C-alpha atoms as a PDB file:
ATOM      1  CA  UNK A   1       8.209  96.283  77.598  1.00  0.00           C
ATOM      2  CA  UNK A   2       7.448  99.915  76.699  1.00  0.00           C
ATOM      3  CA  UNK A   3      10.856 100.930  77.824  1.00  0.00           C
ATOM      4  CA  UNK A   4      12.649  98.624  75.622  1.00  0.00           C
ATOM      5  CA  UNK A   5      10.880 100.151  72.494  1.00  0.00           C
ATOM      6  CA  UNK A   6      11.349 103.894  73.741  1.00  0.00           C
ATOM      7  CA  UNK A   7      15.625 102.670  74.195  1.00  0.00           C
ATOM      8  CA  UNK A   8      15.774 100.916  70.588  1.00  0.00           C
ATOM      9  CA  UNK A   9      13.766 103.977  68.849  1.00  0.00           C
ATOM     10  CA  UNK A  10      16.309 106.722  70.399  1.00  0.00           C
ATOM     11  CA  UNK A  11      19.399 104.530  69.706  1.00  0.00           C
ATOM     12  CA  UNK A  12      18.228 104.548  66.214  1.00  0.00           C
ATOM     13  CA  UNK A  13      17.662 108.180  66.309  1.00  0.00           C
ATOM     14  CA  UNK A  14      21.245 108.685  67.549  1.00  0.00           C
ATOM     15  CA  UNK A  15      22.827 106.590  65.644  1.00  0.00           C
ATOM     16  CA  UNK A  16      21.302 107.442  62.398  1.00  0.00           C
ATOM     17  CA  UNK A  17      21.938 111.233  63.259  1.00  0.00           C
ATOM     18  CA  UNK A  18      18.538 112.378  63.425  1.00  0.00           C
ATOM     19  CA  UNK A  19      19.411 113.312  66.922  1.00  0.00           C
ATOM     20  CA  UNK A  20      22.718 115.078  66.348  1.00  0.00           C
ATOM     21  CA  UNK A  21      26.021 115.024  68.250  1.00  0.00           C
ATOM     22  CA  UNK A  22      25.579 117.470  71.322  1.00  0.00           C
ATOM     23  CA  UNK A  23      22.344 118.539  70.783  1.00  0.00           C
ATOM     24  CA  UNK A  24      19.902 118.851  73.855  1.00  0.00           C
ATOM     25  CA  UNK A  25      17.088 115.661  74.040  1.00  0.00           C
ATOM     26  CA  UNK A  26      13.676 116.937  74.917  1.00  0.00           C
ATOM     27  CA  UNK A  27      12.469 117.167  78.162  1.00  0.00           C
ATOM     28  CA  UNK A  28      11.085 114.180  80.203  1.00  0.00           C
ATOM     29  CA  UNK A  29       7.565 115.924  79.919  1.00  0.00           C
ATOM     30  CA  UNK A  30       7.818 116.248  76.296  1.00  0.00           C
ATOM     31  CA  UNK A  31       9.381 112.582  76.021  1.00  0.00           C
ATOM     32  CA  UNK A  32       6.744 110.986  78.203  1.00  0.00           C
ATOM     33  CA  UNK A  33       3.805 112.623  75.644  1.00  0.00           C
ATOM     34  CA  UNK A  34       5.631 111.466  72.497  1.00  0.00           C
ATOM     35  CA  UNK A  35       5.958 107.966  73.882  1.00  0.00           C
ATOM     36  CA  UNK A  36       2.406 107.940  75.809  1.00  0.00           C
ATOM     37  CA  UNK A  37       3.918 106.865  79.193  1.00  0.00           C
ATOM     38  CA  UNK A  38       4.958 108.375  82.312  1.00  0.00           C
ATOM     39  CA  UNK A  39       8.014 110.443  83.331  1.00  0.00           C
ATOM     40  CA  UNK A  40       9.414 107.456  85.546  1.00  0.00           C
ATOM     41  CA  UNK A  41       9.821 105.259  82.471  1.00  0.00           C
ATOM     42  CA  UNK A  42      11.367 107.883  80.672  1.00  0.00           C
ATOM     43  CA  UNK A  43      13.855 108.932  83.457  1.00  0.00           C
ATOM     44  CA  UNK A  44      14.548 104.673  83.503  1.00  0.00           C
ATOM     45  CA  UNK A  45      15.425 105.125  79.877  1.00  0.00           C
ATOM     46  CA  UNK A  46      17.404 108.009  79.930  1.00  0.00           C
ATOM     47  CA  UNK A  47      19.651 106.580  82.895  1.00  0.00           C
ATOM     48  CA  UNK A  48      20.209 103.600  80.865  1.00  0.00           C
ATOM     49  CA  UNK A  49      21.377 105.291  77.512  1.00  0.00           C
ATOM     50  CA  UNK A  50      23.423 107.794  79.834  1.00  0.00           C
ATOM     51  CA  UNK A  51      25.077 104.081  81.396  1.00  0.00           C
ATOM     52  CA  UNK A  52      25.732 102.904  77.788  1.00  0.00           C
ATOM     53  CA  UNK A  53      27.279 106.638  76.640  1.00  0.00           C
ATOM     54  CA  UNK A  54      24.672 107.407  73.994  1.00  0.00           C
ATOM     55  CA  UNK A  55      23.761 110.476  76.103  1.00  0.00           C
ATOM     56  CA  UNK A  56      25.769 112.515  78.882  1.00  0.00           C
ATOM     57  CA  UNK A  57      24.202 114.847  81.408  1.00  0.00           C
ATOM     58  CA  UNK A  58      25.790 118.321  82.095  1.00  0.00           C
ATOM     59  CA  UNK A  59      26.188 120.081  85.129  1.00  0.00           C
ATOM     60  CA  UNK A  60      23.188 122.005  84.949  1.00  0.00           C
ATOM     61  CA  UNK A  61      21.202 118.845  84.452  1.00  0.00           C
ATOM     62  CA  UNK A  62      20.530 119.099  81.022  1.00  0.00           C
ATOM     63  CA  UNK A  63      20.933 115.874  78.936  1.00  0.00           C
ATOM     64  CA  UNK A  64      22.783 115.849  75.533  1.00  0.00           C
ATOM     65  CA  UNK A  65      23.594 113.167  72.844  1.00  0.00           C
ATOM     66  CA  UNK A  66      27.109 111.971  73.155  1.00  0.00           C
ATOM     67  CA  UNK A  67      29.569 111.197  70.279  1.00  0.00           C
ATOM     68  CA  UNK A  68      29.087 107.488  70.339  1.00  0.00           C
ATOM     69  CA  UNK A  69      31.633 106.995  66.961  1.00  0.00           C
ATOM     70  CA  UNK A  70      34.212 108.564  68.704  1.00  0.00           C
ATOM     71  CA  UNK A  71      34.877 106.278  71.635  1.00  0.00           C
ATOM     72  CA  UNK A  72      35.209 102.562  71.754  1.00  0.00           C
ATOM     73  CA  UNK A  73      32.569 101.568  74.609  1.00  0.00           C
ATOM     74  CA  UNK A  74      31.199  99.164  72.778  1.00  0.00           C
ATOM     75  CA  UNK A  75      33.448  96.667  73.945  1.00  0.00           C
ATOM     76  CA  UNK A  76      31.833  97.518  77.672  1.00  0.00           C
ATOM     77  CA  UNK A  77      28.412  96.277  76.528  1.00  0.00           C
ATOM     78  CA  UNK A  78      27.035  93.153  74.603  1.00  0.00           C
ATOM     79  CA  UNK A  79      26.057  95.421  71.748  1.00  0.00           C
ATOM     80  CA  UNK A  80      25.664  95.165  67.921  1.00  0.00           C
ATOM     81  CA  UNK A  81      27.483  97.183  65.645  1.00  0.00           C
ATOM     82  CA  UNK A  82      23.495  98.568  64.792  1.00  0.00           C
ATOM     83  CA  UNK A  83      23.474 100.137  68.232  1.00  0.00           C
ATOM     84  CA  UNK A  84      26.125 102.281  66.814  1.00  0.00           C
ATOM     85  CA  UNK A  85      25.557 102.698  63.205  1.00  0.00           C
ATOM     86  CA  UNK A  86      23.146 102.673  60.803  1.00  0.00           C
ATOM     87  CA  UNK A  87      22.284  99.244  60.053  1.00  0.00           C
ATOM     88  CA  UNK A  88      22.339 100.285  56.075  1.00  0.00           C
ATOM     89  CA  UNK A  89      25.998 100.861  56.295  1.00  0.00           C
ATOM     90  CA  UNK A  90      26.752  97.362  57.892  1.00  0.00           C
ATOM     91  CA  UNK A  91      27.683  94.128  56.029  1.00  0.00           C
ATOM     92  CA  UNK A  92      29.035  90.776  57.256  1.00  0.00           C
ATOM     93  CA  UNK A  93      30.670  88.507  54.656  1.00  0.00           C
ATOM     94  CA  UNK A  94      30.369  85.023  56.225  1.00  0.00           C
ATOM     95  CA  UNK A  95      33.419  82.894  55.270  1.00  0.00           C
ATOM     96  CA  UNK A  96      32.678  79.499  57.040  1.00  0.00           C
ATOM     97  CA  UNK A  97      29.405  78.294  58.762  1.00  0.00           C
ATOM     98  CA  UNK A  98      29.471  74.472  59.786  1.00  0.00           C
ATOM     99  CA  UNK A  99      28.838  72.035  62.391  1.00  0.00           C
ATOM    100  CA  UNK A 100      31.437  70.892  64.446  1.00  0.00           C
ATOM    101  CA  UNK A 101      31.959  68.411  67.398  1.00  0.00           C
ATOM    102  CA  UNK A 102      32.996  69.992  70.339  1.00  0.00           C
ATOM    103  CA  UNK A 103      36.283  69.456  71.749  1.00  0.00           C
ATOM    104  CA  UNK A 104      37.088  69.221  75.436  1.00  0.00           C
ATOM    105  CA  UNK A 105      38.183  72.706  75.975  1.00  0.00           C
ATOM    106  CA  UNK A 106      35.316  74.310  73.854  1.00  0.00           C
ATOM    107  CA  UNK A 107      32.930  71.942  75.672  1.00  0.00           C
ATOM    108  CA  UNK A 108      34.074  73.477  78.936  1.00  0.00           C
ATOM    109  CA  UNK A 109      33.841  77.033  77.562  1.00  0.00           C
ATOM    110  CA  UNK A 110      30.296  76.509  76.186  1.00  0.00           C
ATOM    111  CA  UNK A 111      28.995  74.192  79.033  1.00  0.00           C
ATOM    112  CA  UNK A 112      28.178  71.209  76.842  1.00  0.00           C
ATOM    113  CA  UNK A 113      28.980  67.495  76.664  1.00  0.00           C
ATOM    114  CA  UNK A 114      32.415  66.734  74.689  1.00  0.00           C
ATOM    115  CA  UNK A 115      31.719  66.017  71.047  1.00  0.00           C
ATOM    116  CA  UNK A 116      28.225  67.820  71.325  1.00  0.00           C
ATOM    117  CA  UNK A 117      27.187  69.652  68.060  1.00  0.00           C
ATOM    118  CA  UNK A 118      28.383  73.284  67.923  1.00  0.00           C
ATOM    119  CA  UNK A 119      28.121  75.757  65.256  1.00  0.00           C
ATOM    120  CA  UNK A 120      31.330  77.319  63.997  1.00  0.00           C
ATOM    121  CA  UNK A 121      30.871  80.869  62.198  1.00  0.00           C
ATOM    122  CA  UNK A 122      33.594  82.972  60.834  1.00  0.00           C
ATOM    123  CA  UNK A 123      32.854  86.244  59.386  1.00  0.00           C
ATOM    124  CA  UNK A 124      34.202  89.826  58.854  1.00  0.00           C
ATOM    125  CA  UNK A 125      32.109  92.832  59.703  1.00  0.00           C
ATOM    126  CA  UNK A 126      32.259  95.885  57.492  1.00  0.00           C
ATOM    127  CA  UNK A 127      31.062  99.531  58.061  1.00  0.00           C
ATOM    128  CA  UNK A 128      30.462 101.216  54.871  1.00  0.00           C
ATOM    129  CA  UNK A 129      32.804  98.983  52.971  1.00  0.00           C
ATOM    130  CA  UNK A 130      35.709  98.934  55.692  1.00  0.00           C
ATOM    131  CA  UNK A 131      36.514  95.895  57.809  1.00  0.00           C
ATOM    132  CA  UNK A 132      35.976  96.327  61.501  1.00  0.00           C
ATOM    133  CA  UNK A 133      37.053  93.015  62.827  1.00  0.00           C
ATOM    134  CA  UNK A 134      36.817  89.466  62.318  1.00  0.00           C
ATOM    135  CA  UNK A 135      34.543  87.067  64.433  1.00  0.00           C
ATOM    136  CA  UNK A 136      34.974  83.320  65.113  1.00  0.00           C
ATOM    137  CA  UNK A 137      31.949  82.320  66.979  1.00  0.00           C
ATOM    138  CA  UNK A 138      30.732  78.995  68.567  1.00  0.00           C
ATOM    139  CA  UNK A 139      27.349  78.585  69.324  1.00  0.00           C
ATOM    140  CA  UNK A 140      25.388  75.424  70.670  1.00  0.00           C
ATOM    141  CA  UNK A 141      23.538  73.793  68.360  1.00  0.00           C
ATOM    142  CA  UNK A 142      21.092  72.465  71.176  1.00  0.00           C
ATOM    143  CA  UNK A 143      20.114  76.204  71.671  1.00  0.00           C
ATOM    144  CA  UNK A 144      20.060  77.465  67.990  1.00  0.00           C
ATOM    145  CA  UNK A 145      18.880  74.149  65.889  1.00  0.00           C
ATOM    146  CA  UNK A 146      17.524  76.398  62.980  1.00  0.00           C
ATOM    147  CA  UNK A 147      20.465  78.784  62.744  1.00  0.00           C
ATOM    148  CA  UNK A 148      21.075  79.491  58.962  1.00  0.00           C
ATOM    149  CA  UNK A 149      24.011  81.357  57.297  1.00  0.00           C
ATOM    150  CA  UNK A 150      21.875  84.228  56.319  1.00  0.00           C
ATOM    151  CA  UNK A 151      20.813  84.536  59.992  1.00  0.00           C
ATOM    152  CA  UNK A 152      24.774  85.027  60.306  1.00  0.00           C
ATOM    153  CA  UNK A 153      25.010  87.953  58.001  1.00  0.00           C
ATOM    154  CA  UNK A 154      23.278  90.271  60.246  1.00  0.00           C
ATOM    155  CA  UNK A 155      23.240  91.071  64.110  1.00  0.00           C
ATOM    156  CA  UNK A 156      23.672  87.754  65.716  1.00  0.00           C
ATOM    157  CA  UNK A 157      22.285  89.201  69.410  1.00  0.00           C
ATOM    158  CA  UNK A 158      19.036  90.113  67.514  1.00  0.00           C
ATOM    159  CA  UNK A 159      18.834  86.769  66.104  1.00  0.00           C
ATOM    160  CA  UNK A 160      19.026  85.189  69.552  1.00  0.00           C
ATOM    161  CA  UNK A 161      16.498  87.647  71.329  1.00  0.00           C
ATOM    162  CA  UNK A 162      13.707  87.869  68.313  1.00  0.00           C
ATOM    163  CA  UNK A 163      13.798  84.053  67.223  1.00  0.00           C
ATOM    164  CA  UNK A 164      14.053  82.515  70.542  1.00  0.00           C
ATOM    165  CA  UNK A 165      12.722  83.053  73.783  1.00  0.00           C
ATOM    166  CA  UNK A 166      16.108  83.876  75.309  1.00  0.00           C
ATOM    167  CA  UNK A 167      17.105  86.782  76.676  1.00  0.00           C
ATOM    168  CA  UNK A 168      20.808  87.723  76.944  1.00  0.00           C
ATOM    169  CA  UNK A 169      22.553  88.405  80.510  1.00  0.00           C
ATOM    170  CA  UNK A 170      25.984  89.373  80.392  1.00  0.00           C
ATOM    171  CA  UNK A 171      29.606  88.309  79.149  1.00  0.00           C
ATOM    172  CA  UNK A 172      32.946  87.712  80.441  1.00  0.00           C
ATOM    173  CA  UNK A 173      35.517  89.238  78.164  1.00  0.00           C
ATOM    174  CA  UNK A 174      39.456  88.787  77.852  1.00  0.00           C
ATOM    175  CA  UNK A 175      41.234  91.781  76.111  1.00  0.00           C
ATOM    176  CA  UNK A 176      44.806  91.160  75.009  1.00  0.00           C
ATOM    177  CA  UNK A 177      47.229  92.111  71.858  1.00  0.00           C
ATOM    178  CA  UNK A 178      47.635  89.609  69.370  1.00  0.00           C
ATOM    179  CA  UNK A 179      49.585  89.405  65.878  1.00  0.00           C
ATOM    180  CA  UNK A 180      47.701  88.995  62.604  1.00  0.00           C
ATOM    181  CA  UNK A 181      48.840  85.947  60.240  1.00  0.00           C
ATOM    182  CA  UNK A 182      48.498  86.791  56.438  1.00  0.00           C
ATOM    183  CA  UNK A 183      45.229  85.647  55.986  1.00  0.00           C
ATOM    184  CA  UNK A 184      43.717  87.496  58.754  1.00  0.00           C
ATOM    185  CA  UNK A 185      46.102  90.810  57.765  1.00  0.00           C
ATOM    186  CA  UNK A 186      44.439  90.386  54.336  1.00  0.00           C
ATOM    187  CA  UNK A 187      40.950  90.205  55.222  1.00  0.00           C
ATOM    188  CA  UNK A 188      41.226  93.358  57.676  1.00  0.00           C
ATOM    189  CA  UNK A 189      43.100  95.352  55.023  1.00  0.00           C
ATOM    190  CA  UNK A 190      46.278  95.609  57.100  1.00  0.00           C
ATOM    191  CA  UNK A 191      49.900  94.627  56.577  1.00  0.00           C
ATOM    192  CA  UNK A 192      51.114  90.866  57.633  1.00  0.00           C
ATOM    193  CA  UNK A 193      51.970  90.494  61.203  1.00  0.00           C
ATOM    194  CA  UNK A 194      50.092  93.572  62.149  1.00  0.00           C
ATOM    195  CA  UNK A 195      49.050  93.842  66.172  1.00  0.00           C
ATOM    196  CA  UNK A 196      45.432  94.150  66.985  1.00  0.00           C
ATOM    197  CA  UNK A 197      43.203  93.921  70.077  1.00  0.00           C
ATOM    198  CA  UNK A 198      41.679  90.585  70.560  1.00  0.00           C
ATOM    199  CA  UNK A 199      38.711  90.042  72.497  1.00  0.00           C
ATOM    200  CA  UNK A 200      37.260  86.670  73.815  1.00  0.00           C
ATOM    201  CA  UNK A 201      33.674  86.877  75.199  1.00  0.00           C
ATOM    202  CA  UNK A 202      31.584  83.978  76.681  1.00  0.00           C
ATOM    203  CA  UNK A 203      28.273  84.923  76.696  1.00  0.00           C
ATOM    204  CA  UNK A 204      25.576  84.190  78.879  1.00  0.00           C
ATOM    205  CA  UNK A 205      21.813  83.957  79.035  1.00  0.00           C
ATOM    206  CA  UNK A 206      19.536  84.879  81.827  1.00  0.00           C
ATOM    207  CA  UNK A 207      18.916  81.376  82.616  1.00  0.00           C
ATOM    208  CA  UNK A 208      22.607  80.912  82.895  1.00  0.00           C
ATOM    209  CA  UNK A 209      23.124  78.825  80.093  1.00  0.00           C
ATOM    210  CA  UNK A 210      26.331  79.731  77.709  1.00  0.00           C
ATOM    211  CA  UNK A 211      25.022  80.920  74.258  1.00  0.00           C
ATOM    212  CA  UNK A 212      28.295  81.701  72.718  1.00  0.00           C
ATOM    213  CA  UNK A 213      32.411  81.531  73.145  1.00  0.00           C
ATOM    214  CA  UNK A 214      33.566  84.211  70.505  1.00  0.00           C
ATOM    215  CA  UNK A 215      37.357  85.555  69.236  1.00  0.00           C
ATOM    216  CA  UNK A 216      36.991  89.053  67.619  1.00  0.00           C
ATOM    217  CA  UNK A 217      39.873  90.473  66.141  1.00  0.00           C
ATOM    218  CA  UNK A 218      39.637  94.184  65.596  1.00  0.00           C
ATOM    219  CA  UNK A 219      41.614  96.410  63.218  1.00  0.00           C
ATOM    220  CA  UNK A 220      42.362  98.821  66.211  1.00  0.00           C
ATOM    221  CA  UNK A 221      45.719  98.547  68.316  1.00  0.00           C
ATOM    222  CA  UNK A 222      44.246 100.454  71.100  1.00  0.00           C
ATOM    223  CA  UNK A 223      40.577 101.326  72.348  1.00  0.00           C
ATOM    224  CA  UNK A 224      39.494 104.739  73.822  1.00  0.00           C
ATOM    225  CA  UNK A 225      36.609 105.357  76.200  1.00  0.00           C
ATOM    226  CA  UNK A 226      34.230 107.766  77.305  1.00  0.00           C
ATOM    227  CA  UNK A 227      34.415 107.412  81.236  1.00  0.00           C
ATOM    228  CA  UNK A 228      32.835 109.339  83.956  1.00  0.00           C
ATOM    229  CA  UNK A 229      32.642 109.296  87.841  1.00  0.00           C
END
């Protein structure tokens, strides 16, 4: 869709700094001419980027680039790190990648039969060589039979939507404080038994299938959000 291309292009410009923080974006007419579309499409794009906090609208109606790195709004959306950071600065270290048989509990979470094949992925995500969070991800083999280790070294959300005819719908997340063990603390360059925020996510496709159950442990012990009325 045209709007998807425009959204992704503007996000790339914002995260790369080509559209600087607090700068005023071009008018709807200018953007419509640039992207060769109508103003209605541009209005939809701007509304979407405001909803995701990439842009902010002032009292006088002007729209400005928001500081996406200052707030932890990524937890509110099913987003990739590349939505907020330059992809060249993102690295994933895959510590474990294998097929397992789903337990009773995991089968319920993924909505698959007991003992079904499930991918287990454990990785650490880095921004400019600094660890951001650990991830423990479970994905049904039946949905992703061709998944490889190298696919897990970049955005899995992008992989899912580009390599398969799937569209991601939404996720249900549970956020809670947890204490890291020694191994986890070392991975995140934190003191042993540090308290961090854990995010459990059950991700759904538009066809209502569960595509993942994941547990992410962030270096942060708190989150700060950009909110509006």
